[in-house]
Amino acid sequence: MSSPFFDLRGSHNPHRWHMPLTPAVCVGPMDRLFMYGGIGLAASISALEQTCGRPVVWATAQYLSYARPPSVVDFDVWISNAGKYTTQARVSAHVGENEVVTVNAALGARPDSRDYQWPRMPVLPPPEDCDPVLLWPDEGDNLNRRIERRAPDGRYDLKNRTGQVSEDGRMQMWMRTVEDVPVDAAMLAVFADYVPSGFGHALGLQAGGNSLDNTLRVLKIVPTRWVLADISISGIHAGVGHGSMNLFAETGELMAVASQSVIVRVRE
């Protein structure tokens, strides 16, 4: 039996949604938990798709502030333009008067039969032949415990970071929810927010960062239990890094591409 990954609730106003914050959708130390950025984008995508009645093509989140449990986040959907095939819309996610995430998006689909992809899924052993990967210290019962991550020989695990800088900034791993949650655009937004984990591997250190944004471009959604995340870190300069991710289904279809800019932080 599948279940939602986050508790987004509607209201009497079809443009207003809300989500109570619990540790299950947050990250960070137990005494300083905050809403995982990917959840903010994912909940916004879900609100957009349900309000507009169309699938998301792209959505970009700008992260403005923190939202902490047990607060409730409101998601207000504003439709800027609705055409024959495409809707342009945005979401303001806020706690009271404090806006925490702004999302701009386009939704829709056109009657066109062309279906191509050029990036190919990296060749990795199947998930069952890979080892679990611990990307950050286990800080308790939060969102990170709800995502299973696997890679050959657990190669990106914290214990393997020796300060050696990566030659190519690449990182590939399998991901899935511990719970049986269907993969849709919202779930891909959650996976996409693992781009910052690539900075730790790229630097060979216990590193990550604070996302300034998170952009998801959806090609197509296909049934899959595991998603292969192909992360590429482009560079770091003046304390800010840029990275991207291709998200593939188990069968090799490219489902989405994502990118982020991150304030890079290294834990000493």
C-alpha atoms as a PDB file:
ATOM      1  CA  MET A   1       0.000   0.000   0.000  1.00  0.00           C
ATOM      2  CA  SER A   2       1.520   3.312  -1.073  1.00  0.00           C
ATOM      3  CA  SER A   3       1.315   6.421   1.098  1.00  0.00           C
ATOM      4  CA  PRO A   4       2.117  10.114   0.543  1.00  0.00           C
ATOM      5  CA  PHE A   5       5.645  11.188   1.431  1.00  0.00           C
ATOM      6  CA  PHE A   6       4.370  14.446   2.948  1.00  0.00           C
ATOM      7  CA  ASP A   7       1.045  15.550   4.407  1.00  0.00           C
ATOM      8  CA  LEU A   8      -0.162  18.291   2.046  1.00  0.00           C
ATOM      9  CA  ARG A   9      -3.740  19.255   2.804  1.00  0.00           C
ATOM     10  CA  GLY A  10      -6.269  21.228   0.796  1.00  0.00           C
ATOM     11  CA  SER A  11      -8.720  23.832   2.059  1.00  0.00           C
ATOM     12  CA  HIS A  12     -11.986  25.507   1.065  1.00  0.00           C
ATOM     13  CA  ASN A  13      -9.849  27.642  -1.263  1.00  0.00           C
ATOM     14  CA  PRO A  14      -8.531  25.518  -4.186  1.00  0.00           C
ATOM     15  CA  HIS A  15      -5.492  27.816  -4.397  1.00  0.00           C
ATOM     16  CA  ARG A  16      -4.526  27.433  -0.709  1.00  0.00           C
ATOM     17  CA  TRP A  17      -2.791  24.336   0.699  1.00  0.00           C
ATOM     18  CA  HIS A  18      -1.027  23.671   3.963  1.00  0.00           C
ATOM     19  CA  MET A  19       1.401  21.153   5.450  1.00  0.00           C
ATOM     20  CA  PRO A  20       2.133  20.518   9.137  1.00  0.00           C
ATOM     21  CA  LEU A  21       5.865  20.107   9.759  1.00  0.00           C
ATOM     22  CA  THR A  22       7.065  16.974  11.545  1.00  0.00           C
ATOM     23  CA  PRO A  23      10.565  15.478  11.837  1.00  0.00           C
ATOM     24  CA  ALA A  24       9.687  13.140   8.951  1.00  0.00           C
ATOM     25  CA  VAL A  25       9.945  16.036   6.457  1.00  0.00           C
ATOM     26  CA  CYS A  26      12.797  17.851   8.181  1.00  0.00           C
ATOM     27  CA  VAL A  27      16.580  17.522   8.470  1.00  0.00           C
ATOM     28  CA  GLY A  28      19.265  18.787  10.834  1.00  0.00           C
ATOM     29  CA  PRO A  29      20.091  18.135  14.501  1.00  0.00           C
ATOM     30  CA  MET A  30      17.059  17.128  16.542  1.00  0.00           C
ATOM     31  CA  ASP A  31      17.102  20.403  18.471  1.00  0.00           C
ATOM     32  CA  ARG A  32      17.374  22.512  15.287  1.00  0.00           C
ATOM     33  CA  LEU A  33      15.263  20.676  12.730  1.00  0.00           C
ATOM     34  CA  PHE A  34      14.109  22.551   9.622  1.00  0.00           C
ATOM     35  CA  MET A  35      12.018  21.687   6.580  1.00  0.00           C
ATOM     36  CA  TYR A  36      14.072  19.875   3.943  1.00  0.00           C
ATOM     37  CA  GLY A  37      14.330  22.135   0.898  1.00  0.00           C
ATOM     38  CA  GLY A  38      13.248  19.385  -1.479  1.00  0.00           C
ATOM     39  CA  ILE A  39      10.039  19.004   0.511  1.00  0.00           C
ATOM     40  CA  GLY A  40       9.260  22.683  -0.034  1.00  0.00           C
ATOM     41  CA  LEU A  41       9.621  22.252  -3.803  1.00  0.00           C
ATOM     42  CA  ALA A  42       7.846  18.881  -3.810  1.00  0.00           C
ATOM     43  CA  ALA A  43       4.826  20.166  -1.876  1.00  0.00           C
ATOM     44  CA  SER A  44       4.681  23.204  -4.179  1.00  0.00           C
ATOM     45  CA  ILE A  45       4.721  20.938  -7.247  1.00  0.00           C
ATOM     46  CA  SER A  46       1.911  18.841  -5.785  1.00  0.00           C
ATOM     47  CA  ALA A  47      -0.136  21.948  -5.009  1.00  0.00           C
ATOM     48  CA  LEU A  48       0.475  23.330  -8.504  1.00  0.00           C
ATOM     49  CA  GLU A  49      -0.503  20.121 -10.279  1.00  0.00           C
ATOM     50  CA  GLN A  50      -3.675  19.687  -8.231  1.00  0.00           C
ATOM     51  CA  THR A  51      -4.727  23.327  -8.562  1.00  0.00           C
ATOM     52  CA  CYS A  52      -3.925  23.658 -12.273  1.00  0.00           C
ATOM     53  CA  GLY A  53      -4.869  20.125 -13.356  1.00  0.00           C
ATOM     54  CA  ARG A  54      -1.715  19.822 -15.454  1.00  0.00           C
ATOM     55  CA  PRO A  55       1.679  18.111 -15.007  1.00  0.00           C
ATOM     56  CA  VAL A  56       4.711  20.193 -14.094  1.00  0.00           C
ATOM     57  CA  VAL A  57       7.231  20.745 -16.892  1.00  0.00           C
ATOM     58  CA  TRP A  58       9.703  22.728 -14.822  1.00  0.00           C
ATOM     59  CA  ALA A  59       9.712  24.291 -11.387  1.00  0.00           C
ATOM     60  CA  THR A  60      12.340  26.318  -9.604  1.00  0.00           C
ATOM     61  CA  ALA A  61      12.432  27.053  -5.891  1.00  0.00           C
ATOM     62  CA  GLN A  62      14.211  29.987  -4.292  1.00  0.00           C
ATOM     63  CA  TYR A  63      14.901  29.309  -0.629  1.00  0.00           C
ATOM     64  CA  LEU A  64      14.400  32.401   1.530  1.00  0.00           C
ATOM     65  CA  SER A  65      14.196  31.270   5.144  1.00  0.00           C
ATOM     66  CA  TYR A  66      13.813  28.280   7.454  1.00  0.00           C
ATOM     67  CA  ALA A  67      10.569  26.630   8.518  1.00  0.00           C
ATOM     68  CA  ARG A  68      10.772  24.582  11.699  1.00  0.00           C
ATOM     69  CA  PRO A  69       8.429  22.060  13.295  1.00  0.00           C
ATOM     70  CA  PRO A  70       5.811  22.094  14.688  1.00  0.00           C
ATOM     71  CA  SER A  71       4.807  25.049  12.511  1.00  0.00           C
ATOM     72  CA  VAL A  72       2.416  24.791   9.563  1.00  0.00           C
ATOM     73  CA  VAL A  73       3.518  25.900   6.096  1.00  0.00           C
ATOM     74  CA  ASP A  74       0.882  27.476   3.836  1.00  0.00           C
ATOM     75  CA  PHE A  75       1.215  27.139   0.045  1.00  0.00           C
ATOM     76  CA  ASP A  76      -0.596  29.793  -2.011  1.00  0.00           C
ATOM     77  CA  VAL A  77      -0.892  29.043  -5.745  1.00  0.00           C
ATOM     78  CA  TRP A  78      -1.075  31.983  -8.142  1.00  0.00           C
ATOM     79  CA  ILE A  79      -1.869  31.354 -11.816  1.00  0.00           C
ATOM     80  CA  SER A  80      -0.238  34.017 -13.990  1.00  0.00           C
ATOM     81  CA  ASN A  81      -1.439  32.692 -17.344  1.00  0.00           C
ATOM     82  CA  ALA A  82      -3.338  29.600 -18.501  1.00  0.00           C
ATOM     83  CA  GLY A  83      -3.139  28.864 -22.232  1.00  0.00           C
ATOM     84  CA  LYS A  84      -4.364  26.034 -24.439  1.00  0.00           C
ATOM     85  CA  TYR A  85      -1.535  23.698 -23.467  1.00  0.00           C
ATOM     86  CA  THR A  86       0.599  25.564 -20.926  1.00  0.00           C
ATOM     87  CA  THR A  87      -0.021  27.182 -17.548  1.00  0.00           C
ATOM     88  CA  GLN A  88       2.461  29.583 -15.958  1.00  0.00           C
ATOM     89  CA  ALA A  89       2.092  29.744 -12.189  1.00  0.00           C
ATOM     90  CA  ARG A  90       3.909  30.359  -8.926  1.00  0.00           C
ATOM     91  CA  VAL A  91       3.687  29.363  -5.288  1.00  0.00           C
ATOM     92  CA  SER A  92       4.391  31.351  -2.151  1.00  0.00           C
ATOM     93  CA  ALA A  93       5.167  29.048   0.774  1.00  0.00           C
ATOM     94  CA  HIS A  94       5.066  30.821   4.098  1.00  0.00           C
ATOM     95  CA  VAL A  95       4.717  30.380   7.849  1.00  0.00           C
ATOM     96  CA  GLY A  96       2.435  33.158   8.965  1.00  0.00           C
ATOM     97  CA  GLU A  97       3.794  36.318   7.318  1.00  0.00           C
ATOM     98  CA  ASN A  98       7.295  34.844   6.849  1.00  0.00           C
ATOM     99  CA  GLU A  99       7.837  33.601   3.284  1.00  0.00           C
ATOM    100  CA  VAL A 100      10.217  30.618   3.251  1.00  0.00           C
ATOM    101  CA  VAL A 101      10.093  29.366  -0.368  1.00  0.00           C
ATOM    102  CA  THR A 102       9.066  30.970  -3.666  1.00  0.00           C
ATOM    103  CA  VAL A 103       8.412  28.635  -6.606  1.00  0.00           C
ATOM    104  CA  ASN A 104       7.912  29.551 -10.263  1.00  0.00           C
ATOM    105  CA  ALA A 105       6.719  26.862 -12.668  1.00  0.00           C
ATOM    106  CA  ALA A 106       5.256  25.920 -16.025  1.00  0.00           C
ATOM    107  CA  LEU A 107       2.768  23.081 -16.419  1.00  0.00           C
ATOM    108  CA  GLY A 108       1.185  21.273 -19.345  1.00  0.00           C
ATOM    109  CA  ALA A 109       1.712  18.839 -22.219  1.00  0.00           C
ATOM    110  CA  ARG A 110       1.456  19.164 -25.980  1.00  0.00           C
ATOM    111  CA  PRO A 111       0.127  16.647 -28.558  1.00  0.00           C
ATOM    112  CA  ASP A 112       3.521  15.652 -30.016  1.00  0.00           C
ATOM    113  CA  SER A 113       4.684  12.050 -30.566  1.00  0.00           C
ATOM    114  CA  ARG A 114       8.450  12.706 -30.629  1.00  0.00           C
ATOM    115  CA  ASP A 115      10.170  11.034 -27.698  1.00  0.00           C
ATOM    116  CA  TYR A 116      13.987  11.123 -27.448  1.00  0.00           C
ATOM    117  CA  GLN A 117      16.735  11.361 -24.861  1.00  0.00           C
ATOM    118  CA  TRP A 118      20.463  11.802 -25.360  1.00  0.00           C
ATOM    119  CA  PRO A 119      22.054  11.277 -21.914  1.00  0.00           C
ATOM    120  CA  ARG A 120      22.480   7.593 -21.100  1.00  0.00           C
ATOM    121  CA  MET A 121      22.174   6.092 -17.656  1.00  0.00           C
ATOM    122  CA  PRO A 122      25.588   5.328 -16.101  1.00  0.00           C
ATOM    123  CA  VAL A 123      26.476   1.649 -15.906  1.00  0.00           C
ATOM    124  CA  LEU A 124      26.152   0.603 -12.250  1.00  0.00           C
ATOM    125  CA  PRO A 125      25.460  -2.748 -10.603  1.00  0.00           C
ATOM    126  CA  PRO A 126      21.791  -3.173  -9.679  1.00  0.00           C
ATOM    127  CA  PRO A 127      20.775  -1.717  -6.300  1.00  0.00           C
ATOM    128  CA  GLU A 128      20.640  -5.124  -4.615  1.00  0.00           C
ATOM    129  CA  ASP A 129      24.331  -5.606  -5.453  1.00  0.00           C
ATOM    130  CA  CYS A 130      25.340  -2.220  -4.017  1.00  0.00           C
ATOM    131  CA  ASP A 131      26.042  -1.190  -0.422  1.00  0.00           C
ATOM    132  CA  PRO A 132      24.260   1.456   1.676  1.00  0.00           C
ATOM    133  CA  VAL A 133      25.755   4.954   1.663  1.00  0.00           C
ATOM    134  CA  LEU A 134      25.843   7.245   4.703  1.00  0.00           C
ATOM    135  CA  LEU A 135      26.249  10.782   3.340  1.00  0.00           C
ATOM    136  CA  TRP A 136      26.002  12.644   6.659  1.00  0.00           C
ATOM    137  CA  PRO A 137      26.184  11.633  10.324  1.00  0.00           C
ATOM    138  CA  ASP A 138      22.918  10.071  11.485  1.00  0.00           C
ATOM    139  CA  GLU A 139      21.200  12.899  13.381  1.00  0.00           C
ATOM    140  CA  GLY A 140      18.101  11.010  14.418  1.00  0.00           C
ATOM    141  CA  ASP A 141      14.662  10.177  13.144  1.00  0.00           C
ATOM    142  CA  ASN A 142      14.325  12.660  10.272  1.00  0.00           C
ATOM    143  CA  LEU A 143      13.856  12.665   6.499  1.00  0.00           C
ATOM    144  CA  ASN A 144      17.278  11.182   5.731  1.00  0.00           C
ATOM    145  CA  ARG A 145      16.228   7.926   7.383  1.00  0.00           C
ATOM    146  CA  ARG A 146      13.326   7.692   4.908  1.00  0.00           C
ATOM    147  CA  ILE A 147      15.582   7.664   1.822  1.00  0.00           C
ATOM    148  CA  GLU A 148      17.674   4.584   1.034  1.00  0.00           C
ATOM    149  CA  ARG A 149      20.890   5.293  -0.872  1.00  0.00           C
ATOM    150  CA  ARG A 150      23.128   2.653  -2.450  1.00  0.00           C
ATOM    151  CA  ALA A 151      26.349   2.684  -4.473  1.00  0.00           C
ATOM    152  CA  PRO A 152      28.955   0.094  -5.524  1.00  0.00           C
ATOM    153  CA  ASP A 153      31.027  -0.774  -2.435  1.00  0.00           C
ATOM    154  CA  GLY A 154      29.372   2.175  -0.663  1.00  0.00           C
ATOM    155  CA  ARG A 155      32.039   4.286  -2.350  1.00  0.00           C
ATOM    156  CA  TYR A 156      30.602   7.672  -1.383  1.00  0.00           C
ATOM    157  CA  ASP A 157      30.211   6.844   2.309  1.00  0.00           C
ATOM    158  CA  LEU A 158      31.547   9.280   4.902  1.00  0.00           C
ATOM    159  CA  LYS A 159      34.161   6.774   6.046  1.00  0.00           C
ATOM    160  CA  ASN A 160      35.774   6.847   2.596  1.00  0.00           C
ATOM    161  CA  ARG A 161      36.442  10.617   2.563  1.00  0.00           C
ATOM    162  CA  THR A 162      40.137  11.289   3.075  1.00  0.00           C
ATOM    163  CA  GLY A 163      40.499  14.862   1.816  1.00  0.00           C
ATOM    164  CA  GLN A 164      41.293  13.730  -1.718  1.00  0.00           C
ATOM    165  CA  VAL A 165      39.593  16.075  -4.205  1.00  0.00           C
ATOM    166  CA  SER A 166      37.606  14.261  -6.897  1.00  0.00           C
ATOM    167  CA  GLU A 167      39.001  14.365 -10.427  1.00  0.00           C
ATOM    168  CA  ASP A 168      35.629  14.770 -12.129  1.00  0.00           C
ATOM    169  CA  GLY A 169      33.112  15.836  -9.446  1.00  0.00           C
ATOM    170  CA  ARG A 170      30.807  12.963 -10.443  1.00  0.00           C
ATOM    171  CA  MET A 171      28.754  10.817  -8.104  1.00  0.00           C
ATOM    172  CA  GLN A 172      26.226   8.119  -9.022  1.00  0.00           C
ATOM    173  CA  MET A 173      23.945   6.330  -6.598  1.00  0.00           C
ATOM    174  CA  TRP A 174      20.636   4.497  -6.447  1.00  0.00           C
ATOM    175  CA  MET A 175      17.866   6.073  -4.353  1.00  0.00           C
ATOM    176  CA  ARG A 176      14.424   5.020  -3.199  1.00  0.00           C
ATOM    177  CA  THR A 177      12.026   5.724  -0.376  1.00  0.00           C
ATOM    178  CA  VAL A 178      12.014   3.299   2.543  1.00  0.00           C
ATOM    179  CA  GLU A 179       8.229   3.504   2.428  1.00  0.00           C
ATOM    180  CA  ASP A 180       6.385   2.438  -0.715  1.00  0.00           C
ATOM    181  CA  VAL A 181       5.921   5.907  -2.234  1.00  0.00           C
ATOM    182  CA  PRO A 182       5.250   6.182  -6.010  1.00  0.00           C
ATOM    183  CA  VAL A 183       7.803   8.143  -8.025  1.00  0.00           C
ATOM    184  CA  ASP A 184       6.228  11.280  -9.468  1.00  0.00           C
ATOM    185  CA  ALA A 185       7.454  14.813 -10.149  1.00  0.00           C
ATOM    186  CA  ALA A 186       7.126  15.741  -6.472  1.00  0.00           C
ATOM    187  CA  MET A 187       9.174  12.726  -5.367  1.00  0.00           C
ATOM    188  CA  LEU A 188      11.843  13.534  -7.958  1.00  0.00           C
ATOM    189  CA  ALA A 189      12.089  17.013  -6.396  1.00  0.00           C
ATOM    190  CA  VAL A 190      12.913  15.365  -3.073  1.00  0.00           C
ATOM    191  CA  PHE A 191      15.641  13.226  -4.678  1.00  0.00           C
ATOM    192  CA  ALA A 192      16.955  16.235  -6.619  1.00  0.00           C
ATOM    193  CA  ASP A 193      17.751  18.044  -3.381  1.00  0.00           C
ATOM    194  CA  TYR A 194      20.581  15.556  -2.823  1.00  0.00           C
ATOM    195  CA  VAL A 195      22.759  17.569  -5.222  1.00  0.00           C
ATOM    196  CA  PRO A 196      24.488  19.248  -2.224  1.00  0.00           C
ATOM    197  CA  SER A 197      25.679  15.819  -1.051  1.00  0.00           C
ATOM    198  CA  GLY A 198      27.899  15.743  -4.127  1.00  0.00           C
ATOM    199  CA  PHE A 199      30.081  18.517  -2.703  1.00  0.00           C
ATOM    200  CA  GLY A 200      31.253  16.261   0.104  1.00  0.00           C
ATOM    201  CA  HIS A 201      32.450  13.626  -2.348  1.00  0.00           C
ATOM    202  CA  ALA A 202      33.934  16.245  -4.705  1.00  0.00           C
ATOM    203  CA  LEU A 203      35.996  17.742  -1.878  1.00  0.00           C
ATOM    204  CA  GLY A 204      36.685  14.439  -0.142  1.00  0.00           C
ATOM    205  CA  LEU A 205      35.411  15.997   3.091  1.00  0.00           C
ATOM    206  CA  GLN A 206      32.381  16.015   5.362  1.00  0.00           C
ATOM    207  CA  ALA A 207      30.766  18.818   3.397  1.00  0.00           C
ATOM    208  CA  GLY A 208      27.431  19.918   2.004  1.00  0.00           C
ATOM    209  CA  GLY A 209      25.694  23.229   2.107  1.00  0.00           C
ATOM    210  CA  ASN A 210      22.611  25.398   2.106  1.00  0.00           C
ATOM    211  CA  SER A 211      20.677  25.380  -1.151  1.00  0.00           C
ATOM    212  CA  LEU A 212      19.954  28.781  -2.635  1.00  0.00           C
ATOM    213  CA  ASP A 213      17.648  27.251  -5.212  1.00  0.00           C
ATOM    214  CA  ASN A 214      16.453  23.939  -6.644  1.00  0.00           C
ATOM    215  CA  THR A 215      15.332  23.609 -10.263  1.00  0.00           C
ATOM    216  CA  LEU A 216      13.613  20.501 -11.649  1.00  0.00           C
ATOM    217  CA  ARG A 217      12.907  19.954 -15.354  1.00  0.00           C
ATOM    218  CA  VAL A 218      10.653  16.950 -15.957  1.00  0.00           C
ATOM    219  CA  LEU A 219      11.002  14.966 -19.176  1.00  0.00           C
ATOM    220  CA  LYS A 220       8.622  12.102 -18.372  1.00  0.00           C
ATOM    221  CA  ILE A 221       7.541   9.940 -15.460  1.00  0.00           C
ATOM    222  CA  VAL A 222       7.713   6.151 -15.805  1.00  0.00           C
ATOM    223  CA  PRO A 223       7.010   3.424 -13.220  1.00  0.00           C
ATOM    224  CA  THR A 224      10.143   2.657 -11.203  1.00  0.00           C
ATOM    225  CA  ARG A 225      10.971   1.724  -7.623  1.00  0.00           C
ATOM    226  CA  TRP A 226      14.601   2.885  -7.697  1.00  0.00           C
ATOM    227  CA  VAL A 227      15.952   6.116  -9.203  1.00  0.00           C
ATOM    228  CA  LEU A 228      19.558   6.461 -10.321  1.00  0.00           C
ATOM    229  CA  ALA A 229      20.914   9.898  -9.403  1.00  0.00           C
ATOM    230  CA  ASP A 230      23.828  10.976 -11.595  1.00  0.00           C
ATOM    231  CA  ILE A 231      25.284  14.022  -9.812  1.00  0.00           C
ATOM    232  CA  SER A 232      27.827  16.356 -11.389  1.00  0.00           C
ATOM    233  CA  ILE A 233      29.513  19.134  -9.416  1.00  0.00           C
ATOM    234  CA  SER A 234      30.600  21.894 -11.803  1.00  0.00           C
ATOM    235  CA  GLY A 235      32.707  24.021  -9.498  1.00  0.00           C
ATOM    236  CA  ILE A 236      33.139  25.976  -6.265  1.00  0.00           C
ATOM    237  CA  HIS A 237      34.259  29.587  -5.958  1.00  0.00           C
ATOM    238  CA  ALA A 238      33.939  32.246  -3.234  1.00  0.00           C
ATOM    239  CA  GLY A 239      32.033  29.873  -0.984  1.00  0.00           C
ATOM    240  CA  VAL A 240      29.355  29.019  -3.547  1.00  0.00           C
ATOM    241  CA  GLY A 241      29.102  25.836  -5.612  1.00  0.00           C
ATOM    242  CA  HIS A 242      27.021  24.761  -8.590  1.00  0.00           C
ATOM    243  CA  GLY A 243      25.869  21.242  -9.356  1.00  0.00           C
ATOM    244  CA  SER A 244      23.365  19.247 -11.386  1.00  0.00           C
ATOM    245  CA  MET A 245      21.696  15.853 -11.435  1.00  0.00           C
ATOM    246  CA  ASN A 246      20.183  13.545 -14.049  1.00  0.00           C
ATOM    247  CA  LEU A 247      17.464  11.276 -12.646  1.00  0.00           C
ATOM    248  CA  PHE A 248      16.972   7.930 -14.409  1.00  0.00           C
ATOM    249  CA  ALA A 249      14.413   5.155 -13.969  1.00  0.00           C
ATOM    250  CA  GLU A 250      15.702   1.615 -13.396  1.00  0.00           C
ATOM    251  CA  THR A 251      14.972   0.878 -17.055  1.00  0.00           C
ATOM    252  CA  GLY A 252      17.192   3.721 -18.270  1.00  0.00           C
ATOM    253  CA  GLU A 253      14.645   6.425 -19.100  1.00  0.00           C
ATOM    254  CA  LEU A 254      15.736   9.946 -18.242  1.00  0.00           C
ATOM    255  CA  MET A 255      12.880  11.261 -16.113  1.00  0.00           C
ATOM    256  CA  ALA A 256      14.199  14.671 -15.079  1.00  0.00           C
ATOM    257  CA  VAL A 257      17.214  16.949 -14.808  1.00  0.00           C
ATOM    258  CA  ALA A 258      17.918  19.154 -11.814  1.00  0.00           C
ATOM    259  CA  SER A 259      20.372  21.862 -10.801  1.00  0.00           C
ATOM    260  CA  GLN A 260      21.264  23.893  -7.729  1.00  0.00           C
ATOM    261  CA  SER A 261      23.497  26.642  -6.399  1.00  0.00           C
ATOM    262  CA  VAL A 262      24.724  26.013  -2.874  1.00  0.00           C
ATOM    263  CA  ILE A 263      26.479  27.863  -0.074  1.00  0.00           C
ATOM    264  CA  VAL A 264      29.197  25.280   0.554  1.00  0.00           C
ATOM    265  CA  ARG A 265      29.860  24.356   4.171  1.00  0.00           C
ATOM    266  CA  VAL A 266      32.563  22.029   5.501  1.00  0.00           C
ATOM    267  CA  ARG A 267      32.247  20.395   8.907  1.00  0.00           C
ATOM    268  CA  GLU A 268      35.578  20.390  10.703  1.00  0.00           C
END
